[in-house]
Amino acid sequence: MSSIVTEQGILHYESIGRGRPIILLHGWINSWQVWRDAMLKLADTGHYRVYALDFWGFGESGHGRKVTPTTFQIASYVEMVCEFMDRLGIQSAPVFGHSMGGTVALQLALKYPARIQRVAIVGSPIVGNTLNPLLQLAGYGRVARFIRRYPFLLNSVMHVVLARDAKTVRHMIFHDVQRTTTESFFRSIGDLRDTDLRPHLGALAVPALGIFGQRDNIVSPRNARLLMANTPDARVVRLAKSRHFPMIDEPEPFLQALNGFLEDRSHQPAGAYNDE
């Protein structure tokens, strides 16, 4: 367990392996642990030093004295990743993000293209209105505070949303949500709900990969088409048996897609689309 101290709070991260750096970003009400198995597999190749971060207000990352209403928003998390890279002396690296983390990764690549070698997103919203309607509601302060005041309501909502997910996924989410602060809970999802990256993706200067579960009911799989339609150098992999957590639902094809992208040996050329 490692951390650095920032003005906004403690930034917790985990790392493993030796070689070229890779940075992994988690999604909403989640933590670095969503990447645990993928980290081990990537490190086992002997080529990579893999870092997985907890965003402020999630997992083991706390918040400090200088927290503002924007601390738990996408733009702030972009700066958090940059500060992390600066503090660890990482000049540039591939950045992969799941769900909200993928949206952060795309904005990071748009704002700091020299720092990002390539970007991969996993079940991430290009447009906020593609989120599950229940999650969109959670972005409204009054709704979020009411839900957080009565934890059984949140548990009921999550049971409905995750009813068909694997026990591993449900256990992970119910564990992580208990460590999520109220402010980060509704401010991050509220900002994500209002996101629309389509006008900006044409300026993306690095290769992009999108991995989407065809059964995802948290972020619509149609974001795969939005990524392809708006990004100059993008490829997409759709996993037929996966929901919102393809790294757990279909770990082997998921890792094959990541490794192929990292080594630029993807079976699909840039611009191809797998819609089987």
Protein backbone atom coordinates (compact mmCIF):
# COMPACT_ATOMS: atom_id res chain seq x y z
CA MET A 1 0.00 0.00 0.00
CA SER A 2 1.52 3.31 -1.14
CA SER A 3 0.33 6.90 -1.12
CA ILE A 4 1.33 10.47 -1.80
CA VAL A 5 0.03 13.57 -0.05
CA THR A 6 -1.65 16.27 -2.14
CA GLU A 7 -3.53 19.45 -1.22
CA GLN A 8 -6.82 17.71 -2.01
CA GLY A 9 -5.98 14.68 0.11
CA ILE A 10 -4.15 11.39 0.32
CA LEU A 11 -3.73 9.69 -3.06
CA HIS A 12 -3.52 5.94 -2.55
CA TYR A 13 -2.11 3.64 -5.21
CA GLU A 14 -0.85 0.11 -5.70
CA SER A 15 1.92 -0.99 -8.02
CA ILE A 16 3.49 -4.21 -9.20
CA GLY A 17 5.99 -5.41 -11.80
CA ARG A 18 9.07 -4.03 -13.52
CA GLY A 19 9.39 -2.32 -16.85
CA ARG A 20 7.43 0.32 -18.74
CA PRO A 21 4.79 2.13 -16.66
CA ILE A 22 1.06 1.62 -17.19
CA ILE A 23 -1.58 3.55 -15.25
CA LEU A 24 -5.01 2.07 -14.47
CA LEU A 25 -8.02 4.11 -13.36
CA HIS A 26 -11.17 2.75 -11.70
CA GLY A 27 -14.83 3.68 -12.12
CA TRP A 28 -17.56 5.26 -10.01
CA ILE A 29 -18.07 3.86 -6.44
CA ASN A 30 -15.20 1.52 -7.16
CA SER A 31 -11.50 1.33 -6.30
CA TRP A 32 -8.17 0.13 -7.64
CA GLN A 33 -9.20 -3.43 -6.77
CA VAL A 34 -11.29 -3.73 -9.94
CA TRP A 35 -7.91 -4.01 -11.69
CA ARG A 36 -6.27 -6.47 -9.28
CA ASP A 37 -6.25 -9.56 -11.51
CA ALA A 38 -5.37 -7.60 -14.65
CA MET A 39 -2.46 -5.97 -12.79
CA LEU A 40 -1.04 -9.37 -11.87
CA LYS A 41 -1.35 -10.66 -15.42
CA LEU A 42 0.22 -7.57 -16.98
CA ALA A 43 3.07 -7.63 -14.46
CA ASP A 44 3.64 -11.35 -15.13
CA THR A 45 4.67 -10.54 -18.69
CA GLY A 46 7.85 -9.00 -17.27
CA HIS A 47 7.42 -5.91 -19.44
CA TYR A 48 5.41 -3.52 -17.28
CA ARG A 49 5.34 -1.65 -14.00
CA VAL A 50 1.60 -1.38 -13.38
CA TYR A 51 0.07 1.36 -11.22
CA ALA A 52 -3.58 1.45 -10.09
CA LEU A 53 -4.88 4.61 -8.38
CA ASP A 54 -7.80 5.42 -6.08
CA PHE A 55 -9.49 8.70 -7.01
CA TRP A 56 -10.01 11.21 -4.20
CA GLY A 57 -13.06 10.18 -2.18
CA PHE A 58 -12.92 6.55 -3.33
CA GLY A 59 -11.18 3.45 -2.00
CA GLU A 60 -8.30 4.39 0.30
CA SER A 61 -7.80 7.92 -1.06
CA GLY A 62 -9.01 10.52 1.41
CA HIS A 63 -9.75 14.20 1.07
CA GLY A 64 -7.85 17.10 2.57
CA ARG A 65 -8.46 20.61 3.82
CA LYS A 66 -8.57 22.25 0.40
CA VAL A 67 -11.46 20.23 -1.00
CA THR A 68 -13.74 22.32 -3.24
CA PRO A 69 -16.99 21.45 -5.06
CA THR A 70 -14.87 20.59 -8.12
CA THR A 71 -12.46 18.22 -6.33
CA PHE A 72 -14.57 15.17 -7.20
CA GLN A 73 -15.17 16.06 -10.83
CA ILE A 74 -13.57 14.69 -14.00
CA ALA A 75 -11.28 17.68 -14.64
CA SER A 76 -9.92 17.47 -11.10
CA TYR A 77 -9.21 13.75 -11.49
CA VAL A 78 -7.33 14.54 -14.72
CA GLU A 79 -5.05 16.84 -12.74
CA MET A 80 -4.75 14.21 -10.01
CA VAL A 81 -3.33 11.70 -12.48
CA CYS A 82 -0.92 14.31 -13.85
CA GLU A 83 0.28 15.15 -10.35
CA PHE A 84 0.75 11.45 -9.65
CA MET A 85 2.86 11.07 -12.80
CA ASP A 86 4.94 14.13 -11.89
CA ARG A 87 5.57 12.93 -8.35
CA LEU A 88 6.65 9.47 -9.50
CA GLY A 89 8.74 10.78 -12.39
CA ILE A 90 6.60 9.18 -15.10
CA GLN A 91 7.06 11.27 -18.24
CA SER A 92 4.50 9.40 -20.33
CA ALA A 93 2.58 6.13 -20.21
CA PRO A 94 -0.41 4.25 -21.54
CA VAL A 95 -3.49 5.02 -19.42
CA PHE A 96 -6.42 2.63 -19.18
CA GLY A 97 -9.68 3.44 -17.44
CA HIS A 98 -12.82 1.55 -16.48
CA SER A 99 -16.19 3.33 -16.59
CA MET A 100 -15.66 6.84 -15.14
CA GLY A 101 -11.91 6.17 -15.17
CA GLY A 102 -12.03 5.78 -18.95
CA THR A 103 -13.72 9.16 -19.30
CA VAL A 104 -10.93 10.63 -17.16
CA ALA A 105 -8.33 8.86 -19.32
CA LEU A 106 -9.79 10.30 -22.54
CA GLN A 107 -9.86 13.83 -21.14
CA LEU A 108 -6.32 13.36 -19.88
CA ALA A 109 -5.17 12.33 -23.37
CA LEU A 110 -6.97 15.32 -24.90
CA LYS A 111 -5.48 17.84 -22.48
CA TYR A 112 -1.97 16.38 -22.13
CA PRO A 113 -1.29 14.41 -25.32
CA ALA A 114 2.48 14.35 -24.74
CA ARG A 115 1.98 12.50 -21.46
CA ILE A 116 -0.25 9.74 -22.80
CA GLN A 117 1.14 7.11 -25.18
CA ARG A 118 -2.18 5.38 -25.79
CA VAL A 119 -5.54 5.26 -24.08
CA ALA A 120 -7.96 2.41 -23.45
CA ILE A 121 -11.45 2.69 -22.04
CA VAL A 122 -13.57 -0.13 -20.62
CA GLY A 123 -17.33 0.36 -20.48
CA SER A 124 -16.90 4.14 -20.35
CA PRO A 125 -19.48 6.78 -21.27
CA ILE A 126 -18.62 9.08 -24.16
CA VAL A 127 -21.93 10.84 -23.50
CA GLY A 128 -23.37 11.02 -20.00
CA ASN A 129 -26.94 10.30 -21.00
CA THR A 130 -25.88 6.75 -21.86
CA LEU A 131 -25.58 5.98 -18.14
CA ASN A 132 -28.18 3.81 -16.44
CA PRO A 133 -31.09 6.14 -15.52
CA LEU A 134 -30.79 5.24 -11.82
CA LEU A 135 -27.16 6.39 -11.85
CA GLN A 136 -28.10 9.61 -13.60
CA LEU A 137 -30.54 10.32 -10.77
CA ALA A 138 -27.75 9.81 -8.24
CA GLY A 139 -26.01 12.85 -9.71
CA TYR A 140 -28.59 15.18 -8.24
CA GLY A 141 -27.49 16.40 -4.83
CA ARG A 142 -30.84 16.03 -3.05
CA VAL A 143 -31.35 12.54 -4.40
CA ALA A 144 -27.83 11.47 -3.50
CA ARG A 145 -28.03 12.87 0.03
CA PHE A 146 -31.36 11.14 0.58
CA ILE A 147 -29.96 7.82 -0.64
CA ARG A 148 -26.82 8.17 1.47
CA ARG A 149 -28.93 9.05 4.52
CA TYR A 150 -30.78 5.76 4.18
CA PRO A 151 -28.18 3.15 3.19
CA PHE A 152 -30.79 0.43 2.69
CA LEU A 153 -32.08 2.43 -0.33
CA LEU A 154 -28.65 2.42 -1.92
CA ASN A 155 -28.30 -1.28 -1.25
CA SER A 156 -31.70 -1.89 -2.82
CA VAL A 157 -30.78 0.12 -5.93
CA MET A 158 -27.44 -1.68 -6.28
CA HIS A 159 -29.12 -5.06 -5.84
CA VAL A 160 -31.43 -4.20 -8.75
CA VAL A 161 -28.66 -2.86 -10.98
CA LEU A 162 -26.24 -5.71 -10.21
CA ALA A 163 -28.79 -8.54 -9.93
CA ARG A 164 -27.37 -10.44 -12.91
CA ASP A 165 -23.71 -9.77 -12.21
CA ALA A 166 -21.30 -12.33 -10.79
CA LYS A 167 -21.02 -12.65 -7.01
CA THR A 168 -17.44 -11.37 -7.29
CA VAL A 169 -18.68 -8.13 -8.82
CA ARG A 170 -21.46 -7.64 -6.27
CA HIS A 171 -19.13 -8.28 -3.34
CA MET A 172 -16.56 -5.83 -4.71
CA ILE A 173 -19.10 -3.06 -5.30
CA PHE A 174 -20.82 -3.41 -1.93
CA HIS A 175 -17.40 -3.29 -0.28
CA ASP A 176 -16.22 -0.23 -2.23
CA VAL A 177 -19.41 1.78 -1.90
CA GLN A 178 -19.03 1.78 1.89
CA ARG A 179 -15.74 3.66 1.49
CA THR A 180 -17.08 6.28 -0.92
CA THR A 181 -17.68 9.73 0.57
CA THR A 182 -21.03 11.47 0.08
CA GLU A 183 -19.46 14.37 -1.84
CA SER A 184 -17.52 12.16 -4.21
CA PHE A 185 -20.58 9.93 -4.59
CA PHE A 186 -22.89 12.53 -6.13
CA ARG A 187 -20.47 15.14 -7.51
CA SER A 188 -18.54 12.66 -9.65
CA ILE A 189 -21.61 10.97 -11.12
CA GLY A 190 -23.29 14.36 -11.61
CA ASP A 191 -20.31 15.59 -13.61
CA LEU A 192 -20.18 12.34 -15.56
CA ARG A 193 -23.88 12.62 -16.37
CA ASP A 194 -23.27 16.04 -17.96
CA THR A 195 -20.27 14.89 -20.01
CA ASP A 196 -20.24 14.89 -23.82
CA LEU A 197 -16.85 14.12 -25.38
CA ARG A 198 -18.05 13.84 -28.98
CA PRO A 199 -17.04 17.39 -30.03
CA HIS A 200 -13.51 16.86 -28.69
CA LEU A 201 -12.54 13.35 -29.70
CA GLY A 202 -11.50 14.43 -33.20
CA ALA A 203 -8.45 16.05 -31.61
CA LEU A 204 -7.31 12.85 -29.88
CA ALA A 205 -3.68 12.41 -30.95
CA VAL A 206 -3.00 8.92 -29.59
CA PRO A 207 -4.34 5.45 -30.44
CA ALA A 208 -7.50 4.51 -28.57
CA LEU A 209 -9.05 1.20 -27.64
CA GLY A 210 -12.58 0.65 -26.39
CA ILE A 211 -13.64 -2.58 -24.69
CA PHE A 212 -17.38 -2.92 -24.11
CA GLY A 213 -19.55 -5.66 -22.69
CA GLN A 214 -22.53 -6.29 -24.94
CA ARG A 215 -24.71 -6.98 -21.88
CA ASP A 216 -23.67 -3.84 -20.00
CA ASN A 217 -26.68 -2.28 -18.25
CA ILE A 218 -24.71 0.43 -16.42
CA VAL A 219 -23.11 2.18 -19.41
CA SER A 220 -24.78 1.56 -22.76
CA PRO A 221 -22.66 -0.48 -25.22
CA ARG A 222 -23.60 2.01 -27.93
CA ASN A 223 -20.70 4.10 -26.64
CA ALA A 224 -18.57 1.76 -28.77
CA ARG A 225 -20.06 3.31 -31.89
CA LEU A 226 -19.65 6.82 -30.49
CA LEU A 227 -15.94 6.17 -29.90
CA MET A 228 -15.48 4.83 -33.42
CA ALA A 229 -17.47 7.60 -35.10
CA ASN A 230 -15.63 10.46 -33.41
CA THR A 231 -12.04 9.29 -32.89
CA PRO A 232 -9.33 9.34 -35.62
CA ASP A 233 -7.41 6.22 -34.51
CA ALA A 234 -9.70 3.93 -32.56
CA ARG A 235 -10.45 0.25 -32.39
CA VAL A 236 -13.22 -1.49 -30.49
CA VAL A 237 -13.62 -4.93 -28.96
CA ARG A 238 -17.08 -6.02 -27.85
CA LEU A 239 -17.31 -9.01 -25.51
CA ALA A 240 -20.54 -10.90 -25.96
CA LYS A 241 -20.74 -12.45 -22.49
CA SER A 242 -19.69 -9.38 -20.49
CA ARG A 243 -21.67 -6.83 -18.57
CA HIS A 244 -20.02 -3.75 -17.01
CA PHE A 245 -16.93 -5.58 -15.73
CA PRO A 246 -15.42 -7.50 -18.67
CA MET A 247 -12.13 -7.89 -16.79
CA ILE A 248 -14.08 -10.15 -14.41
CA ASP A 249 -16.70 -11.59 -16.79
CA GLU A 250 -14.30 -12.57 -19.59
CA PRO A 251 -10.77 -12.14 -18.25
CA GLU A 252 -8.89 -14.00 -20.99
CA PRO A 253 -10.25 -12.16 -24.07
CA PHE A 254 -10.11 -8.95 -22.06
CA LEU A 255 -6.39 -9.36 -21.38
CA GLN A 256 -5.75 -10.45 -24.96
CA ALA A 257 -7.29 -7.19 -26.15
CA LEU A 258 -5.17 -5.12 -23.74
CA ASN A 259 -1.94 -6.93 -24.57
CA GLY A 260 -2.59 -6.69 -28.29
CA PHE A 261 -3.19 -2.98 -27.96
CA LEU A 262 -0.10 -2.43 -25.82
CA GLU A 263 2.13 -4.24 -28.27
CA ASP A 264 0.25 -2.83 -31.27
CA ARG A 265 -0.60 -6.34 -32.42
CA SER A 266 -4.36 -6.01 -32.35
CA HIS A 267 -6.18 -8.33 -34.73
CA GLN A 268 -8.23 -5.34 -35.80
CA PRO A 269 -6.63 -2.48 -37.72
CA ALA A 270 -7.27 1.06 -36.59
CA GLY A 271 -10.80 1.99 -37.50
CA ALA A 272 -12.12 -1.57 -37.51
CA TYR A 273 -15.24 -2.48 -35.60
CA ASN A 274 -16.15 -5.86 -34.20
CA ASP A 275 -19.94 -6.07 -34.09
CA GLU A 276 -20.41 -9.81 -33.88
